[in-house]
Protein backbone atom coordinates (compact mmCIF):
# COMPACT_ATOMS: atom_id res chain seq x y z
CA UNK A 1 244.12 228.69 130.47
CA UNK A 2 247.88 228.70 129.84
CA UNK A 3 250.06 226.06 128.22
CA UNK A 4 251.33 224.57 131.49
CA UNK A 5 247.81 223.93 132.74
CA UNK A 6 246.73 222.34 129.45
CA UNK A 7 249.85 220.15 129.32
CA UNK A 8 249.17 218.98 132.87
CA UNK A 9 245.56 218.10 132.00
CA UNK A 10 246.76 216.26 128.87
CA UNK A 11 249.11 214.08 130.90
CA UNK A 12 246.29 213.10 133.23
CA UNK A 13 243.77 211.85 130.68
CA UNK A 14 245.36 211.46 127.22
CA UNK A 15 247.49 208.51 126.07
CA UNK A 16 251.04 209.78 125.71
CA UNK A 17 251.61 208.64 122.13
CA UNK A 18 252.93 211.92 120.70
CA UNK A 19 256.19 213.79 121.22
CA UNK A 20 254.52 217.19 121.37
CA UNK A 21 256.35 220.52 121.56
CA UNK A 22 255.61 222.18 124.94
CA UNK A 23 253.22 224.82 123.63
CA UNK A 24 249.43 224.95 123.29
CA UNK A 25 248.10 226.64 120.15
CA UNK A 26 244.98 228.78 120.60
CA UNK A 27 244.19 230.33 117.20
CA UNK A 28 245.61 231.37 113.86
CA UNK A 29 245.24 233.71 110.90
CA UNK A 30 246.81 233.24 107.49
CA UNK A 31 250.14 231.48 108.14
CA UNK A 32 250.44 232.82 111.69
CA UNK A 33 249.60 230.93 114.88
CA UNK A 34 249.22 232.13 118.46
CA UNK A 35 249.66 230.12 121.65
CA UNK A 36 247.57 230.46 124.79
CA UNK A 37 249.97 233.11 126.11
CA UNK A 38 249.58 235.17 122.94
CA UNK A 39 253.03 234.47 121.47
CA UNK A 40 253.05 234.60 117.66
CA UNK A 41 254.56 231.90 115.43
CA UNK A 42 255.12 231.76 111.69
CA UNK A 43 253.79 228.34 110.72
CA UNK A 44 255.87 226.32 108.27
CA UNK A 45 254.01 223.09 109.18
CA UNK A 46 250.32 223.66 108.32
CA UNK A 47 249.32 220.82 110.62
CA UNK A 48 251.71 218.43 108.81
CA UNK A 49 250.48 219.55 105.43
CA UNK A 50 246.76 219.60 106.29
CA UNK A 51 245.87 223.30 106.56
CA UNK A 52 246.67 224.09 102.94
CA UNK A 53 244.54 227.27 103.01
CA UNK A 54 246.08 228.47 106.24
CA UNK A 55 243.97 229.70 109.15
CA UNK A 56 240.84 231.85 109.29
CA UNK A 57 239.91 231.22 105.64
CA UNK A 58 236.38 232.61 105.38
CA UNK A 59 235.41 230.91 102.12
CA UNK A 60 236.31 227.51 103.54
CA UNK A 61 234.72 228.14 106.93
CA UNK A 62 231.53 229.45 105.34
CA UNK A 63 231.22 226.39 103.10
CA UNK A 64 231.77 224.06 106.06
CA UNK A 65 229.32 225.94 108.30
CA UNK A 66 226.58 226.07 105.68
CA UNK A 67 226.84 222.34 105.02
CA UNK A 68 226.89 221.53 108.75
CA UNK A 69 223.56 223.33 109.15
CA UNK A 70 222.09 221.62 106.09
CA UNK A 71 223.25 218.00 106.53
CA UNK A 72 226.20 216.90 108.66
CA UNK A 73 226.08 213.14 107.99
CA UNK A 74 223.83 210.63 106.25
CA UNK A 75 226.04 207.51 105.77
CA UNK A 76 226.80 205.73 102.51
CA UNK A 77 223.40 204.02 102.49
CA UNK A 78 222.11 207.12 100.69
CA UNK A 79 223.27 209.54 98.01
CA UNK A 80 224.20 213.15 98.75
CA UNK A 81 225.52 215.89 96.49
CA UNK A 82 228.80 216.97 98.20
CA UNK A 83 230.72 213.69 97.73
CA UNK A 84 229.49 213.33 94.14
CA UNK A 85 230.52 216.89 93.25
CA UNK A 86 233.91 216.32 94.89
CA UNK A 87 234.47 213.06 92.99
CA UNK A 88 233.58 214.80 89.72
CA UNK A 89 236.07 217.59 90.31
CA UNK A 90 238.86 215.29 91.44
CA UNK A 91 238.44 213.04 88.40
CA UNK A 92 238.27 215.99 86.02
CA UNK A 93 241.43 217.58 87.40
CA UNK A 94 243.43 214.37 87.88
CA UNK A 95 242.68 212.38 84.72
CA UNK A 96 241.44 209.48 86.88
CA UNK A 97 238.05 207.78 86.54
CA UNK A 98 236.50 207.12 89.96
CA UNK A 99 236.94 208.01 93.64
CA UNK A 100 236.47 206.28 96.97
CA UNK A 101 236.40 208.46 100.09
CA UNK A 102 237.92 207.58 103.45
CA UNK A 103 239.02 209.54 106.52
CA UNK A 104 242.81 209.75 106.39
CA UNK A 105 246.02 208.63 104.75
CA UNK A 106 246.55 205.25 106.37
CA UNK A 107 242.98 204.23 105.60
CA UNK A 108 243.34 205.46 102.03
CA UNK A 109 246.47 203.38 101.53
CA UNK A 110 244.73 200.33 103.00
CA UNK A 111 242.05 200.76 100.36
CA UNK A 112 244.65 201.05 97.62
CA UNK A 113 246.35 197.86 98.80
CA UNK A 114 243.03 196.01 98.90
CA UNK A 115 242.15 197.17 95.40
CA UNK A 116 245.48 195.98 94.00
CA UNK A 117 245.12 192.52 95.50
CA UNK A 118 241.50 192.23 94.39
CA UNK A 119 242.45 193.23 90.82
CA UNK A 120 245.12 190.53 90.70
CA UNK A 121 242.89 187.89 92.31
CA UNK A 122 240.11 188.54 89.81
CA UNK A 123 242.49 188.18 86.88
CA UNK A 124 245.05 185.62 88.05
CA UNK A 125 243.63 183.86 91.12
CA UNK A 126 245.52 183.01 94.31
CA UNK A 127 249.24 183.53 94.79
CA UNK A 128 249.76 186.93 93.15
CA UNK A 129 249.43 189.36 96.05
CA UNK A 130 252.89 190.73 96.89
CA UNK A 131 253.36 194.51 96.69
CA UNK A 132 256.80 196.04 96.19
CA UNK A 133 257.44 199.22 98.17
CA UNK A 134 260.58 201.30 98.54
CA UNK A 135 263.15 201.46 101.29
CA UNK A 136 262.82 204.67 103.32
CA UNK A 137 259.11 204.92 102.47
CA UNK A 138 256.25 205.67 104.85
CA UNK A 139 252.67 204.59 104.16
CA UNK A 140 250.80 204.81 107.47
CA UNK A 141 250.41 203.43 110.98
CA UNK A 142 247.89 200.60 110.63
CA UNK A 143 249.34 197.11 110.88
CA UNK A 144 249.26 196.67 107.10
CA UNK A 145 250.58 200.11 106.16
CA UNK A 146 253.34 199.79 108.75
CA UNK A 147 254.30 196.56 107.02
CA UNK A 148 254.26 198.36 103.67
CA UNK A 149 256.54 201.06 105.10
CA UNK A 150 260.15 200.45 104.07
CA UNK A 151 261.78 201.50 107.35
CA UNK A 152 262.84 198.87 109.86
CA UNK A 153 262.30 201.23 112.80
CA UNK A 154 258.54 200.89 112.26
CA UNK A 155 258.63 197.08 112.19
CA UNK A 156 258.57 196.45 115.92
CA UNK A 157 256.22 195.82 118.88
CA UNK A 158 253.07 194.97 116.91
CA UNK A 159 253.83 191.48 115.62
CA UNK A 160 252.74 189.72 113.55
CA UNK A 161 252.74 192.27 110.73
CA UNK A 162 250.76 191.75 107.55
CA UNK A 163 252.61 189.63 104.99
CA UNK A 164 252.94 190.32 101.29
CA UNK A 165 255.44 193.18 100.95
CA UNK A 166 258.98 193.34 99.57
CA UNK A 167 261.26 196.36 99.58
CA UNK A 168 263.41 197.75 96.81
CA UNK A 169 265.76 200.70 96.48
CA UNK A 170 264.37 204.07 95.38
CA UNK A 171 265.55 205.38 92.01
CA UNK A 172 266.96 201.95 91.12
CA UNK A 173 264.92 200.16 88.46
CA UNK A 174 267.14 197.07 88.64
CA UNK A 175 266.32 196.73 92.34
CA UNK A 176 262.63 196.74 91.39
CA UNK A 177 263.24 194.06 88.75
CA UNK A 178 265.16 191.91 91.25
CA UNK A 179 262.27 192.20 93.73
CA UNK A 180 259.74 191.13 91.10
CA UNK A 181 258.32 187.69 90.49
CA UNK A 182 255.19 185.75 89.70
CA UNK A 183 253.74 186.63 93.09
CA UNK A 184 253.82 190.41 92.55
CA UNK A 185 250.64 192.36 91.90
CA UNK A 186 251.72 196.00 92.35
CA UNK A 187 254.41 198.54 93.14
CA UNK A 188 253.58 201.32 95.63
CA UNK A 189 255.65 204.48 96.10
CA UNK A 190 255.69 208.09 97.20
CA UNK A 191 256.98 210.41 94.48
CA UNK A 192 258.58 212.45 97.27
CA UNK A 193 259.39 210.42 100.36
CA UNK A 194 258.10 212.71 103.10
CA UNK A 195 258.62 211.14 106.51
CA UNK A 196 261.78 209.49 105.16
CA UNK A 197 263.49 212.84 104.65
CA UNK A 198 261.88 214.65 101.66
CA UNK A 199 263.54 212.66 98.84
CA UNK A 200 262.00 213.15 95.37
CA UNK A 201 262.01 210.31 92.87
CA UNK A 202 264.01 210.80 89.67
CA UNK A 203 261.99 211.35 86.49
CA UNK A 204 263.72 208.57 84.54
CA UNK A 205 263.19 206.05 87.32
CA UNK A 206 259.47 206.83 87.49
CA UNK A 207 259.10 206.52 83.71
CA UNK A 208 260.95 203.19 83.71
CA UNK A 209 258.82 201.97 86.60
CA UNK A 210 255.60 202.84 84.78
CA UNK A 211 256.77 200.85 81.75
CA UNK A 212 257.85 197.89 83.90
CA UNK A 213 254.51 197.81 85.69
CA UNK A 214 252.61 197.91 82.39
CA UNK A 215 254.72 195.09 80.93
CA UNK A 216 254.01 192.83 83.91
CA UNK A 217 250.44 193.97 84.63
CA UNK A 218 251.54 195.17 88.06
CA UNK A 219 249.38 198.02 89.27
CA UNK A 220 251.26 201.29 89.79
CA UNK A 221 250.11 202.67 93.13
CA UNK A 222 251.13 206.23 94.04
CA UNK A 223 250.83 207.36 97.66
CA UNK A 224 250.03 211.09 97.44
CA UNK A 225 248.84 211.49 101.02
CA UNK A 226 251.47 214.18 101.60
CA UNK A 227 252.40 215.22 98.05
CA UNK A 228 248.85 215.64 96.78
CA UNK A 229 246.34 218.51 96.74
CA UNK A 230 248.74 221.14 95.42
CA UNK A 231 251.62 220.56 97.82
CA UNK A 232 254.22 220.14 95.06
CA UNK A 233 252.82 222.76 92.66
CA UNK A 234 250.38 220.59 90.73
CA UNK A 235 247.19 219.07 92.10
CA UNK A 236 249.03 215.75 92.29
CA UNK A 237 252.77 215.20 92.08
CA UNK A 238 252.41 212.49 89.39
CA UNK A 239 251.24 215.21 87.00
CA UNK A 240 254.81 216.53 87.04
CA UNK A 241 256.18 213.09 86.16
CA UNK A 242 254.15 212.52 83.02
CA UNK A 243 252.46 209.32 84.23
CA UNK A 244 248.93 208.23 85.07
CA UNK A 245 248.92 205.77 88.00
CA UNK A 246 246.47 202.90 88.24
CA UNK A 247 245.49 204.05 91.72
CA UNK A 248 246.49 207.12 93.75
CA UNK A 249 245.80 207.84 97.41
CA UNK A 250 245.22 211.28 98.89
CA UNK A 251 244.43 212.85 102.29
CA UNK A 252 245.95 215.64 104.42
CA UNK A 253 245.25 218.88 102.51
CA UNK A 254 242.07 217.77 100.72
CA UNK A 255 239.74 218.66 103.61
CA UNK A 256 241.47 221.95 104.44
CA UNK A 257 241.61 220.90 108.10
CA UNK A 258 238.85 218.28 108.32
CA UNK A 259 239.49 214.51 108.27
CA UNK A 260 239.18 213.30 104.69
CA UNK A 261 241.11 211.04 102.36
CA UNK A 262 240.56 208.49 99.66
CA UNK A 263 241.75 206.89 96.47
CA UNK A 264 241.34 207.63 92.77
CA UNK A 265 241.38 204.77 90.26
CA UNK A 266 241.96 204.83 86.52
CA UNK A 267 239.56 203.34 83.98
CA UNK A 268 241.10 199.87 84.28
CA UNK A 269 240.67 199.76 88.04
CA UNK A 270 237.55 201.79 88.80
CA UNK A 271 235.24 198.74 88.92
CA UNK A 272 237.49 196.39 90.94
CA UNK A 273 235.82 197.01 94.30
CA UNK A 274 232.10 196.22 94.35
CA UNK A 275 229.36 196.51 96.98
CA UNK A 276 230.44 195.22 100.39
CA UNK A 277 234.12 194.86 99.45
CA UNK A 278 235.29 198.11 101.03
CA UNK A 279 233.52 200.68 103.21
CA UNK A 280 233.85 203.24 105.97
CA UNK A 281 231.10 204.91 107.97
CA UNK A 282 232.34 208.48 107.65
CA UNK A 283 233.71 208.25 104.09
CA UNK A 284 232.36 211.05 101.92
CA UNK A 285 231.00 212.95 104.93
CA UNK A 286 229.06 215.97 103.60
CA UNK A 287 230.77 218.55 105.83
CA UNK A 288 234.29 217.30 105.04
CA UNK A 289 233.43 217.19 101.33
CA UNK A 290 232.08 220.74 101.44
CA UNK A 291 235.43 221.81 102.89
CA UNK A 292 237.25 219.90 100.15
CA UNK A 293 235.19 221.54 97.42
CA UNK A 294 236.22 224.93 98.79
CA UNK A 295 239.87 223.78 98.82
CA UNK A 296 239.72 222.77 95.15
CA UNK A 297 237.95 225.99 94.19
CA UNK A 298 240.69 228.07 95.79
CA UNK A 299 243.62 225.97 94.51
CA UNK A 300 243.34 227.16 90.93
CA UNK A 301 246.16 227.12 88.36
CA UNK A 302 247.53 230.50 89.44
CA UNK A 303 247.77 229.43 93.08
CA UNK A 304 249.47 226.17 92.11
CA UNK A 305 251.99 228.01 89.97
CA UNK A 306 252.70 230.27 92.94
CA UNK A 307 253.40 227.19 95.05
CA UNK A 308 256.31 226.33 92.74
CA UNK A 309 257.63 229.92 92.82
CA UNK A 310 257.38 230.15 96.61
CA UNK A 311 259.16 226.81 97.01
CA UNK A 312 262.04 228.02 94.84
CA UNK A 313 262.19 231.28 96.83
CA UNK A 314 262.52 229.39 100.13
CA UNK A 315 265.15 226.95 98.83
CA UNK A 316 267.21 229.71 97.19
CA UNK A 317 267.14 231.74 100.40
CA UNK A 318 268.22 228.82 102.61
CA UNK A 319 270.99 227.74 100.26
CA UNK A 320 272.20 231.32 100.05
CA UNK A 321 272.73 231.53 103.80
CA UNK A 322 275.94 229.47 103.64
CA UNK A 323 275.16 228.27 107.15
CA UNK A 324 277.56 225.64 108.53
CA UNK A 325 274.48 223.65 109.55
CA UNK A 326 272.90 223.44 106.07
CA UNK A 327 274.12 220.60 103.83
CA UNK A 328 271.59 221.34 101.09
CA UNK A 329 267.89 221.42 100.25
CA UNK A 330 265.58 219.21 98.23
CA UNK A 331 261.89 218.81 97.47
CA UNK A 332 259.10 219.93 95.14
CA UNK A 333 256.95 223.02 95.52
CA UNK A 334 256.18 223.76 99.15
CA UNK A 335 257.37 220.35 100.32
CA UNK A 336 260.93 221.21 101.29
CA UNK A 337 263.67 219.36 103.12
CA UNK A 338 266.73 221.07 104.61
CA UNK A 339 269.50 218.58 105.30
CA UNK A 340 271.18 219.44 108.59
CA UNK A 341 274.72 218.70 109.77
CA UNK A 342 276.62 219.48 112.94
CA UNK A 343 273.52 219.68 115.14
CA UNK A 344 270.52 217.43 115.74
CA UNK A 345 267.53 218.23 113.58
CA UNK A 346 265.14 217.90 116.53
CA UNK A 347 267.26 220.27 118.60
CA UNK A 348 267.21 222.72 115.73
CA UNK A 349 263.41 222.44 115.40
CA UNK A 350 263.12 223.32 119.09
CA UNK A 351 265.35 226.36 118.59
CA UNK A 352 263.13 227.44 115.71
CA UNK A 353 260.05 227.14 117.89
CA UNK A 354 261.70 229.18 120.63
CA UNK A 355 262.42 231.86 118.02
CA UNK A 356 258.80 231.90 116.82
CA UNK A 357 258.97 229.59 113.78
CA UNK A 358 257.24 226.21 113.61
CA UNK A 359 258.98 223.57 111.47
CA UNK A 360 258.89 219.77 111.18
CA UNK A 361 261.56 217.10 111.13
CA UNK A 362 261.92 214.10 108.82
CA UNK A 363 264.32 211.19 108.50
CA UNK A 364 267.53 211.29 110.54
CA UNK A 365 268.85 214.75 109.67
CA UNK A 366 266.24 216.84 107.90
CA UNK A 367 264.12 219.87 108.72
CA UNK A 368 260.86 219.60 106.78
CA UNK A 369 258.89 222.67 105.71
CA UNK A 370 255.21 222.34 104.74
CA UNK A 371 253.79 225.87 104.98
CA UNK A 372 250.22 226.67 103.97
CA UNK A 373 249.94 226.82 100.18
CA UNK A 374 248.39 230.28 100.48
CA UNK A 375 251.23 231.69 102.58
CA UNK A 376 252.09 235.23 101.51
CA UNK A 377 255.56 236.38 100.52
CA UNK A 378 255.61 238.64 103.58
CA UNK A 379 254.88 235.67 105.83
CA UNK A 380 257.51 233.63 104.03
CA UNK A 381 260.16 236.30 104.56
CA UNK A 382 259.24 236.68 108.22
CA UNK A 383 259.68 232.96 108.66
CA UNK A 384 262.93 232.86 106.71
CA UNK A 385 264.41 235.69 108.76
CA UNK A 386 263.64 233.69 111.91
CA UNK A 387 265.15 230.60 110.31
CA UNK A 388 268.27 232.57 109.34
CA UNK A 389 268.71 233.68 112.95
CA UNK A 390 268.62 230.06 114.09
CA UNK A 391 270.76 228.55 111.33
CA UNK A 392 273.42 231.23 111.58
CA UNK A 393 273.55 231.40 115.37
CA UNK A 394 272.76 227.82 116.46
């Protein structure tokens, strides 16, 4: 069935909540995707950072298939090995002390928010529940995580939003101080603002923030839904900033393509949530955890170091084009933003797709690149040559 037929069927029976590109993807291999007509695309999106191992990865697929035949679900009323083994590996490689598993990023951030407020309630009682987040941030699409998101465009339609959030400027420690008060329990931030336009936090700001949080007993909450699981060249981005958060959220790449997310808590916070205080039916699903274990096995130190090298290769190439449409690049590892001028970033993304390259947009003027972490140099160069054709001829 071709793309037009599938798009027509979609419009008949699916809520139209997504601004999809007008193609239907059929299959993929490595960092290449193919639509229902057989056209090939170099994928610089990896399912918005989810397919970190690319497509057709036999080790991952074999692990998932074997677990599906053994035990696909049992619920959290019983113990099973996959989620325990995954928690052990995540804690060992992150320096954190305990894990809670959920299904995606918004749910993970909800859990992190609940933990912060419970920690403060246990220690200080009522009235200390406000969480400071940053302007231009994005934390999810539930009512609460929309409220936590520091972009006014998301604060509409779904009133009333959850109370208890204040917004401060990124990379401005004085703005954080001014937003503080006796009602604050935590500060939550992305170390690279993804949806906001791929803006990394400055090292000095993050260090100052960690000290400020410790001085006031505010929990430091790091949203690594997009930056985590090797995306920036370390398993988690905070490992490049020399800090250990109180709680960190993760999702996207951890399942290698299956729905999985969660939070990691440090020693101080690992016992805050007790039985009945937080739960999810599918959290720690054996099949998703088997996929995640394969992801962690394959994302070893050499692969993560290659992520940094590949990111530098892409940024150097783009900046060397001297295209009139490129105002600069920014990012960490294979989380790259290309600031665009003189043409709409969505229009440019469409031109890339027409040329056979899939890219994302972010913020008001940014192309966002999130290729599979295992993308080869040959695939990178194929994609960059397509990008050059668009940026130099658009």
